[in-house]
């Protein structure tokens, strides 16, 4: 869909919202950002970081509007992969 290749040690977390639209959170080892692949963005890879995530007044990440479930899912993805973003020694 996005014409990307995941490495065996990448963290890849899929999600499907209540409208059946799929999205993927992709974290490479040691990268300070993750990548969001989203059906609504035509699968264009968008670099994202936790400080970009907003819940109010409208859930969003960067310029991408999310629904509440998507925003909470992304927060969970960021929190569960923080250790994977640390620089590789």
PDB file of N, CA and C in Angstrom:
ATOM      1  N   UNK A   1       0.827  -1.200   0.000  1.00  0.00           N
ATOM      2  CA  UNK A   1       0.000   0.000   0.000  1.00  0.00           C
ATOM      3  C   UNK A   1       0.864   1.254   0.000  1.00  0.00           C
ATOM      4  N   UNK A   2       1.822   1.323   0.900  1.00  0.00           N
ATOM      5  CA  UNK A   2       2.648   2.523   1.026  1.00  0.00           C
ATOM      6  C   UNK A   2       3.971   2.380   0.289  1.00  0.00           C
ATOM      7  N   UNK A   3       4.205   1.211  -0.303  1.00  0.00           N
ATOM      8  CA  UNK A   3       5.447   0.957  -1.031  1.00  0.00           C
ATOM      9  C   UNK A   3       6.663   1.179  -0.134  1.00  0.00           C
ATOM     10  N   UNK A   4       6.578   0.693   1.104  1.00  0.00           N
ATOM     11  CA  UNK A   4       7.693   0.758   2.046  1.00  0.00           C
ATOM     12  C   UNK A   4       8.033  -0.669   2.464  1.00  0.00           C
ATOM     13  N   UNK A   5       9.248  -0.842   2.950  1.00  0.00           N
ATOM     14  CA  UNK A   5       9.668  -2.147   3.449  1.00  0.00           C
ATOM     15  C   UNK A   5      10.019  -2.022   4.926  1.00  0.00           C
ATOM     16  N   UNK A   6       9.441  -2.879   5.730  1.00  0.00           N
ATOM     17  CA  UNK A   6       9.730  -2.912   7.146  1.00  0.00           C
ATOM     18  C   UNK A   6      10.910  -3.850   7.377  1.00  0.00           C
ATOM     19  N   UNK A   7      11.860  -3.435   8.211  1.00  0.00           N
ATOM     20  CA  UNK A   7      12.969  -4.307   8.602  1.00  0.00           C
ATOM     21  C   UNK A   7      12.470  -5.280   9.665  1.00  0.00           C
ATOM     22  N   UNK A   8      13.119  -6.423   9.790  1.00  0.00           N
ATOM     23  CA  UNK A   8      12.677  -7.409  10.782  1.00  0.00           C
ATOM     24  C   UNK A   8      12.634  -6.872  12.213  1.00  0.00           C
ATOM     25  N   UNK A   9      13.489  -5.899  12.563  1.00  0.00           N
ATOM     26  CA  UNK A   9      13.478  -5.390  13.936  1.00  0.00           C
ATOM     27  C   UNK A   9      12.683  -4.093  14.090  1.00  0.00           C
ATOM     28  N   UNK A  10      11.994  -3.639  13.053  1.00  0.00           N
ATOM     29  CA  UNK A  10      11.115  -2.468  13.164  1.00  0.00           C
ATOM     30  C   UNK A  10       9.895  -2.835  14.000  1.00  0.00           C
ATOM     31  N   UNK A  11       9.377  -1.857  14.715  1.00  0.00           N
ATOM     32  CA  UNK A  11       8.111  -2.044  15.421  1.00  0.00           C
ATOM     33  C   UNK A  11       7.006  -1.526  14.508  1.00  0.00           C
ATOM     34  N   UNK A  12       6.063  -2.377  14.199  1.00  0.00           N
ATOM     35  CA  UNK A  12       4.972  -2.048  13.285  1.00  0.00           C
ATOM     36  C   UNK A  12       3.665  -2.372  14.000  1.00  0.00           C
ATOM     37  N   UNK A  13       2.842  -1.325  14.216  1.00  0.00           N
ATOM     38  CA  UNK A  13       1.596  -1.503  14.959  1.00  0.00           C
ATOM     39  C   UNK A  13       0.418  -1.071  14.085  1.00  0.00           C
ATOM     40  N   UNK A  14      -0.385  -2.008  13.601  1.00  0.00           N
ATOM     41  CA  UNK A  14      -1.549  -1.658  12.785  1.00  0.00           C
ATOM     42  C   UNK A  14      -2.759  -1.296  13.643  1.00  0.00           C
ATOM     43  N   UNK A  15      -3.667  -0.542  13.034  1.00  0.00           N
ATOM     44  CA  UNK A  15      -4.905  -0.126  13.704  1.00  0.00           C
ATOM     45  C   UNK A  15      -5.966   0.070  12.632  1.00  0.00           C
ATOM     46  N   UNK A  16      -7.197  -0.195  12.976  1.00  0.00           N
ATOM     47  CA  UNK A  16      -8.312   0.090  12.079  1.00  0.00           C
ATOM     48  C   UNK A  16      -9.352   0.861  12.869  1.00  0.00           C
ATOM     49  N   UNK A  17      -9.752   2.024  12.353  1.00  0.00           N
ATOM     50  CA  UNK A  17     -10.721   2.844  13.078  1.00  0.00           C
ATOM     51  C   UNK A  17     -12.140   2.298  12.881  1.00  0.00           C
ATOM     52  N   UNK A  18     -13.117   2.942  13.490  1.00  0.00           N
ATOM     53  CA  UNK A  18     -14.492   2.452  13.450  1.00  0.00           C
ATOM     54  C   UNK A  18     -15.132   2.554  12.073  1.00  0.00           C
ATOM     55  N   UNK A  19     -14.496   3.239  11.139  1.00  0.00           N
ATOM     56  CA  UNK A  19     -14.975   3.332   9.752  1.00  0.00           C
ATOM     57  C   UNK A  19     -14.293   2.295   8.863  1.00  0.00           C
ATOM     58  N   UNK A  20     -13.440   1.466   9.458  1.00  0.00           N
ATOM     59  CA  UNK A  20     -12.742   0.442   8.701  1.00  0.00           C
ATOM     60  C   UNK A  20     -11.518   0.949   7.958  1.00  0.00           C
ATOM     61  N   UNK A  21     -11.041   2.158   8.321  1.00  0.00           N
ATOM     62  CA  UNK A  21      -9.872   2.729   7.666  1.00  0.00           C
ATOM     63  C   UNK A  21      -8.607   2.290   8.411  1.00  0.00           C
ATOM     64  N   UNK A  22      -7.695   1.615   7.714  1.00  0.00           N
ATOM     65  CA  UNK A  22      -6.484   1.145   8.370  1.00  0.00           C
ATOM     66  C   UNK A  22      -5.414   2.224   8.480  1.00  0.00           C
ATOM     67  N   UNK A  23      -4.551   2.053   9.456  1.00  0.00           N
ATOM     68  CA  UNK A  23      -3.391   2.913   9.625  1.00  0.00           C
ATOM     69  C   UNK A  23      -2.298   2.089  10.288  1.00  0.00           C
ATOM     70  N   UNK A  24      -1.057   2.566  10.175  1.00  0.00           N
ATOM     71  CA  UNK A  24       0.079   1.838  10.718  1.00  0.00           C
ATOM     72  C   UNK A  24       1.032   2.822  11.393  1.00  0.00           C
ATOM     73  N   UNK A  25       1.467   2.473  12.593  1.00  0.00           N
ATOM     74  CA  UNK A  25       2.527   3.178  13.305  1.00  0.00           C
ATOM     75  C   UNK A  25       3.792   2.369  13.074  1.00  0.00           C
ATOM     76  N   UNK A  26       4.869   3.036  12.626  1.00  0.00           N
ATOM     77  CA  UNK A  26       6.106   2.346  12.262  1.00  0.00           C
ATOM     78  C   UNK A  26       7.277   3.025  12.955  1.00  0.00           C
ATOM     79  N   UNK A  27       8.002   2.271  13.779  1.00  0.00           N
ATOM     80  CA  UNK A  27       9.142   2.818  14.512  1.00  0.00           C
ATOM     81  C   UNK A  27      10.402   2.042  14.165  1.00  0.00           C
ATOM     82  N   UNK A  28      11.392   2.756  13.624  1.00  0.00           N
ATOM     83  CA  UNK A  28      12.698   2.154  13.351  1.00  0.00           C
ATOM     84  C   UNK A  28      13.592   2.333  14.572  1.00  0.00           C
ATOM     85  N   UNK A  29      14.484   1.394  14.791  1.00  0.00           N
ATOM     86  CA  UNK A  29      15.401   1.414  15.937  1.00  0.00           C
ATOM     87  C   UNK A  29      16.295   2.644  15.894  1.00  0.00           C
ATOM     88  N   UNK A  30      16.311   3.405  16.992  1.00  0.00           N
ATOM     89  CA  UNK A  30      17.199   4.553  17.132  1.00  0.00           C
ATOM     90  C   UNK A  30      16.750   5.830  16.445  1.00  0.00           C
ATOM     91  N   UNK A  31      15.664   5.789  15.701  1.00  0.00           N
ATOM     92  CA  UNK A  31      15.155   7.001  15.035  1.00  0.00           C
ATOM     93  C   UNK A  31      14.392   7.849  16.053  1.00  0.00           C
ATOM     94  N   UNK A  32      14.578   9.172  16.050  1.00  0.00           N
ATOM     95  CA  UNK A  32      13.883  10.022  17.018  1.00  0.00           C
ATOM     96  C   UNK A  32      12.416  10.278  16.646  1.00  0.00           C
ATOM     97  N   UNK A  33      11.981   9.736  15.550  1.00  0.00           N
ATOM     98  CA  UNK A  33      10.609   9.921  15.077  1.00  0.00           C
ATOM     99  C   UNK A  33      10.044   8.558  14.678  1.00  0.00           C
ATOM    100  N   UNK A  34       8.743   8.499  14.581  1.00  0.00           N
ATOM    101  CA  UNK A  34       8.061   7.326  14.038  1.00  0.00           C
ATOM    102  C   UNK A  34       7.470   7.742  12.697  1.00  0.00           C
ATOM    103  N   UNK A  35       6.865   6.813  12.019  1.00  0.00           N
ATOM    104  CA  UNK A  35       6.215   7.095  10.742  1.00  0.00           C
ATOM    105  C   UNK A  35       4.768   6.642  10.854  1.00  0.00           C
ATOM    106  N   UNK A  36       3.863   7.511  10.400  1.00  0.00           N
ATOM    107  CA  UNK A  36       2.447   7.169  10.330  1.00  0.00           C
ATOM    108  C   UNK A  36       2.093   6.898   8.872  1.00  0.00           C
ATOM    109  N   UNK A  37       1.524   5.737   8.639  1.00  0.00           N
ATOM    110  CA  UNK A  37       0.969   5.383   7.331  1.00  0.00           C
ATOM    111  C   UNK A  37      -0.538   5.315   7.533  1.00  0.00           C
ATOM    112  N   UNK A  38      -1.274   6.109   6.766  1.00  0.00           N
ATOM    113  CA  UNK A  38      -2.709   6.262   7.016  1.00  0.00           C
ATOM    114  C   UNK A  38      -3.473   6.207   5.701  1.00  0.00           C
ATOM    115  N   UNK A  39      -4.547   5.457   5.712  1.00  0.00           N
ATOM    116  CA  UNK A  39      -5.421   5.339   4.546  1.00  0.00           C
ATOM    117  C   UNK A  39      -5.847   6.712   4.028  1.00  0.00           C
ATOM    118  N   UNK A  40      -6.233   7.613   4.939  1.00  0.00           N
ATOM    119  CA  UNK A  40      -6.699   8.953   4.542  1.00  0.00           C
ATOM    120  C   UNK A  40      -5.592   9.811   3.936  1.00  0.00           C
ATOM    121  N   UNK A  41      -4.335   9.432   4.141  1.00  0.00           N
ATOM    122  CA  UNK A  41      -3.193  10.184   3.606  1.00  0.00           C
ATOM    123  C   UNK A  41      -2.621   9.482   2.375  1.00  0.00           C
ATOM    124  N   UNK A  42      -3.434   8.613   1.764  1.00  0.00           N
ATOM    125  CA  UNK A  42      -3.007   7.846   0.588  1.00  0.00           C
ATOM    126  C   UNK A  42      -1.729   7.059   0.846  1.00  0.00           C
ATOM    127  N   UNK A  43      -1.536   6.639   2.100  1.00  0.00           N
ATOM    128  CA  UNK A  43      -0.407   5.821   2.530  1.00  0.00           C
ATOM    129  C   UNK A  43       0.927   6.543   2.410  1.00  0.00           C
ATOM    130  N   UNK A  44       0.912   7.865   2.247  1.00  0.00           N
ATOM    131  CA  UNK A  44       2.152   8.631   2.212  1.00  0.00           C
ATOM    132  C   UNK A  44       2.792   8.590   3.599  1.00  0.00           C
ATOM    133  N   UNK A  45       4.048   8.168   3.724  1.00  0.00           N
ATOM    134  CA  UNK A  45       4.697   8.092   5.039  1.00  0.00           C
ATOM    135  C   UNK A  45       4.914   9.484   5.640  1.00  0.00           C
ATOM    136  N   UNK A  46       4.388   9.701   6.839  1.00  0.00           N
ATOM    137  CA  UNK A  46       4.499  10.985   7.524  1.00  0.00           C
ATOM    138  C   UNK A  46       5.298  10.783   8.813  1.00  0.00           C
ATOM    139  N   UNK A  47       6.373  11.532   8.976  1.00  0.00           N
ATOM    140  CA  UNK A  47       7.162  11.465  10.211  1.00  0.00           C
ATOM    141  C   UNK A  47       6.392  12.145  11.335  1.00  0.00           C
ATOM    142  N   UNK A  48       6.332  11.462  12.467  1.00  0.00           N
ATOM    143  CA  UNK A  48       5.601  11.994  13.618  1.00  0.00           C
ATOM    144  C   UNK A  48       6.435  11.815  14.885  1.00  0.00           C
ATOM    145  N   UNK A  49       6.177  12.711  15.850  1.00  0.00           N
ATOM    146  CA  UNK A  49       6.786  12.620  17.178  1.00  0.00           C
ATOM    147  C   UNK A  49       5.697  12.890  18.213  1.00  0.00           C
ATOM    148  N   UNK A  50       5.887  12.357  19.410  1.00  0.00           N
ATOM    149  CA  UNK A  50       4.879  12.482  20.461  1.00  0.00           C
ATOM    150  C   UNK A  50       4.461  13.926  20.742  1.00  0.00           C
ATOM    151  N   UNK A  51       5.394  14.912  20.781  1.00  0.00           N
ATOM    152  CA  UNK A  51       4.958  16.292  21.058  1.00  0.00           C
ATOM    153  C   UNK A  51       3.997  16.865  20.002  1.00  0.00           C
ATOM    154  N   UNK A  52       3.921  16.239  18.838  1.00  0.00           N
ATOM    155  CA  UNK A  52       3.012  16.695  17.780  1.00  0.00           C
ATOM    156  C   UNK A  52       1.565  16.285  18.046  1.00  0.00           C
ATOM    157  N   UNK A  53       1.354  15.331  18.939  1.00  0.00           N
ATOM    158  CA  UNK A  53       0.032  14.770  19.187  1.00  0.00           C
ATOM    159  C   UNK A  53      -0.789  15.702  20.061  1.00  0.00           C
ATOM    160  N   UNK A  54      -1.975  16.044  19.606  1.00  0.00           N
ATOM    161  CA  UNK A  54      -2.897  16.923  20.330  1.00  0.00           C
ATOM    162  C   UNK A  54      -4.235  16.215  20.534  1.00  0.00           C
ATOM    163  N   UNK A  55      -4.822  16.439  21.695  1.00  0.00           N
ATOM    164  CA  UNK A  55      -6.148  15.905  21.981  1.00  0.00           C
ATOM    165  C   UNK A  55      -7.218  16.995  21.995  1.00  0.00           C
ATOM    166  N   UNK A  56      -6.774  18.248  22.138  1.00  0.00           N
ATOM    167  CA  UNK A  56      -7.719  19.355  22.261  1.00  0.00           C
ATOM    168  C   UNK A  56      -7.242  20.528  21.433  1.00  0.00           C
ATOM    169  N   UNK A  57      -8.081  21.272  20.758  1.00  0.00           N
ATOM    170  CA  UNK A  57      -9.538  21.138  20.712  1.00  0.00           C
ATOM    171  C   UNK A  57     -10.008  20.030  19.769  1.00  0.00           C
ATOM    172  N   UNK A  58      -9.178  19.660  18.805  1.00  0.00           N
ATOM    173  CA  UNK A  58      -9.503  18.575  17.881  1.00  0.00           C
ATOM    174  C   UNK A  58      -8.332  17.597  17.912  1.00  0.00           C
ATOM    175  N   UNK A  59      -8.575  16.314  18.103  1.00  0.00           N
ATOM    176  CA  UNK A  59      -7.468  15.362  18.084  1.00  0.00           C
ATOM    177  C   UNK A  59      -6.725  15.434  16.747  1.00  0.00           C
ATOM    178  N   UNK A  60      -5.400  15.535  16.818  1.00  0.00           N
ATOM    179  CA  UNK A  60      -4.608  15.647  15.592  1.00  0.00           C
ATOM    180  C   UNK A  60      -3.155  15.303  15.879  1.00  0.00           C
ATOM    181  N   UNK A  61      -2.435  15.042  14.813  1.00  0.00           N
ATOM    182  CA  UNK A  61      -0.983  14.903  14.884  1.00  0.00           C
ATOM    183  C   UNK A  61      -0.438  15.688  13.701  1.00  0.00           C
ATOM    184  N   UNK A  62       0.308  16.735  14.007  1.00  0.00           N
ATOM    185  CA  UNK A  62       0.722  17.636  12.939  1.00  0.00           C
ATOM    186  C   UNK A  62      -0.508  18.222  12.280  1.00  0.00           C
ATOM    187  N   UNK A  63      -0.598  18.135  10.971  1.00  0.00           N
ATOM    188  CA  UNK A  63      -1.752  18.650  10.242  1.00  0.00           C
ATOM    189  C   UNK A  63      -2.810  17.605   9.962  1.00  0.00           C
ATOM    190  N   UNK A  64      -2.684  16.428  10.558  1.00  0.00           N
ATOM    191  CA  UNK A  64      -3.625  15.341  10.293  1.00  0.00           C
ATOM    192  C   UNK A  64      -4.650  15.246  11.413  1.00  0.00           C
ATOM    193  N   UNK A  65      -5.907  15.407  11.063  1.00  0.00           N
ATOM    194  CA  UNK A  65      -7.000  15.299  12.035  1.00  0.00           C
ATOM    195  C   UNK A  65      -7.260  13.822  12.312  1.00  0.00           C
ATOM    196  N   UNK A  66      -7.444  13.514  13.581  1.00  0.00           N
ATOM    197  CA  UNK A  66      -7.697  12.146  14.033  1.00  0.00           C
ATOM    198  C   UNK A  66      -9.033  12.081  14.757  1.00  0.00           C
ATOM    199  N   UNK A  67      -9.558  10.879  14.914  1.00  0.00           N
ATOM    200  CA  UNK A  67     -10.671  10.760  15.848  1.00  0.00           C
ATOM    201  C   UNK A  67     -10.067  10.407  17.209  1.00  0.00           C
ATOM    202  N   UNK A  68     -10.879  10.399  18.233  1.00  0.00           N
ATOM    203  CA  UNK A  68     -10.368  10.209  19.586  1.00  0.00           C
ATOM    204  C   UNK A  68      -9.674   8.863  19.763  1.00  0.00           C
ATOM    205  N   UNK A  69     -10.257   7.808  19.192  1.00  0.00           N
ATOM    206  CA  UNK A  69      -9.651   6.476  19.316  1.00  0.00           C
ATOM    207  C   UNK A  69      -8.285   6.432  18.631  1.00  0.00           C
ATOM    208  N   UNK A  70      -8.160   7.057  17.465  1.00  0.00           N
ATOM    209  CA  UNK A  70      -6.873   7.092  16.759  1.00  0.00           C
ATOM    210  C   UNK A  70      -5.816   7.824  17.581  1.00  0.00           C
ATOM    211  N   UNK A  71      -6.203   8.938  18.191  1.00  0.00           N
ATOM    212  CA  UNK A  71      -5.263   9.717  19.002  1.00  0.00           C
ATOM    213  C   UNK A  71      -4.800   8.905  20.211  1.00  0.00           C
ATOM    214  N   UNK A  72      -5.713   8.213  20.871  1.00  0.00           N
ATOM    215  CA  UNK A  72      -5.337   7.390  22.028  1.00  0.00           C
ATOM    216  C   UNK A  72      -4.465   6.210  21.605  1.00  0.00           C
ATOM    217  N   UNK A  73      -4.781   5.606  20.467  1.00  0.00           N
ATOM    218  CA  UNK A  73      -3.948   4.527  19.946  1.00  0.00           C
ATOM    219  C   UNK A  73      -2.528   5.028  19.679  1.00  0.00           C
ATOM    220  N   UNK A  74      -2.400   6.199  19.033  1.00  0.00           N
ATOM    221  CA  UNK A  74      -1.071   6.751  18.774  1.00  0.00           C
ATOM    222  C   UNK A  74      -0.318   7.025  20.072  1.00  0.00           C
ATOM    223  N   UNK A  75      -0.995   7.551  21.086  1.00  0.00           N
ATOM    224  CA  UNK A  75      -0.334   7.793  22.368  1.00  0.00           C
ATOM    225  C   UNK A  75       0.202   6.477  22.934  1.00  0.00           C
ATOM    226  N   UNK A  76      -0.598   5.427  22.861  1.00  0.00           N
ATOM    227  CA  UNK A  76      -0.145   4.121  23.319  1.00  0.00           C
ATOM    228  C   UNK A  76       1.057   3.619  22.520  1.00  0.00           C
ATOM    229  N   UNK A  77       1.046   3.867  21.218  1.00  0.00           N
ATOM    230  CA  UNK A  77       2.183   3.475  20.379  1.00  0.00           C
ATOM    231  C   UNK A  77       3.443   4.227  20.801  1.00  0.00           C
ATOM    232  N   UNK A  78       3.324   5.528  20.993  1.00  0.00           N
ATOM    233  CA  UNK A  78       4.490   6.317  21.414  1.00  0.00           C
ATOM    234  C   UNK A  78       5.014   5.845  22.767  1.00  0.00           C
ATOM    235  N   UNK A  79       4.128   5.654  23.718  1.00  0.00           N
ATOM    236  CA  UNK A  79       4.555   5.269  25.066  1.00  0.00           C
ATOM    237  C   UNK A  79       5.200   3.879  25.078  1.00  0.00           C
ATOM    238  N   UNK A  80       4.689   2.971  24.270  1.00  0.00           N
ATOM    239  CA  UNK A  80       5.215   1.607  24.294  1.00  0.00           C
ATOM    240  C   UNK A  80       6.483   1.432  23.460  1.00  0.00           C
ATOM    241  N   UNK A  81       6.875   2.452  22.702  1.00  0.00           N
ATOM    242  CA  UNK A  81       8.081   2.348  21.866  1.00  0.00           C
ATOM    243  C   UNK A  81       9.134   3.390  22.208  1.00  0.00           C
ATOM    244  N   UNK A  82       8.963   4.102  23.304  1.00  0.00           N
ATOM    245  CA  UNK A  82       9.920   5.156  23.668  1.00  0.00           C
ATOM    246  C   UNK A  82      11.334   4.605  23.744  1.00  0.00           C
ATOM    247  N   UNK A  83      11.519   3.465  24.338  1.00  0.00           N
ATOM    248  CA  UNK A  83      12.831   2.843  24.487  1.00  0.00           C
ATOM    249  C   UNK A  83      13.462   2.511  23.147  1.00  0.00           C
ATOM    250  N   UNK A  84      12.679   2.265  22.113  1.00  0.00           N
ATOM    251  CA  UNK A  84      13.189   1.904  20.787  1.00  0.00           C
ATOM    252  C   UNK A  84      13.703   3.128  20.031  1.00  0.00           C
ATOM    253  N   UNK A  85      13.271   4.333  20.451  1.00  0.00           N
ATOM    254  CA  UNK A  85      13.752   5.571  19.828  1.00  0.00           C
ATOM    255  C   UNK A  85      15.080   6.042  20.396  1.00  0.00           C
ATOM    256  N   UNK A  86      15.499   5.502  21.513  1.00  0.00           N
ATOM    257  CA  UNK A  86      16.770   5.920  22.109  1.00  0.00           C
ATOM    258  C   UNK A  86      17.911   5.645  21.135  1.00  0.00           C
ATOM    259  N   UNK A  87      18.926   6.519  21.126  1.00  0.00           N
ATOM    260  CA  UNK A  87      20.059   6.321  20.199  1.00  0.00           C
ATOM    261  C   UNK A  87      20.722   4.961  20.412  1.00  0.00           C
ATOM    262  N   UNK A  88      21.108   4.362  19.308  1.00  0.00           N
ATOM    263  CA  UNK A  88      21.793   3.078  19.354  1.00  0.00           C
ATOM    264  C   UNK A  88      23.251   3.319  19.691  1.00  0.00           C
ATOM    265  N   UNK A  89      23.752   2.609  20.677  1.00  0.00           N
ATOM    266  CA  UNK A  89      25.156   2.782  21.104  1.00  0.00           C
ATOM    267  C   UNK A  89      26.081   2.027  20.186  1.00  0.00           C
TER     268      UNK A  89
END
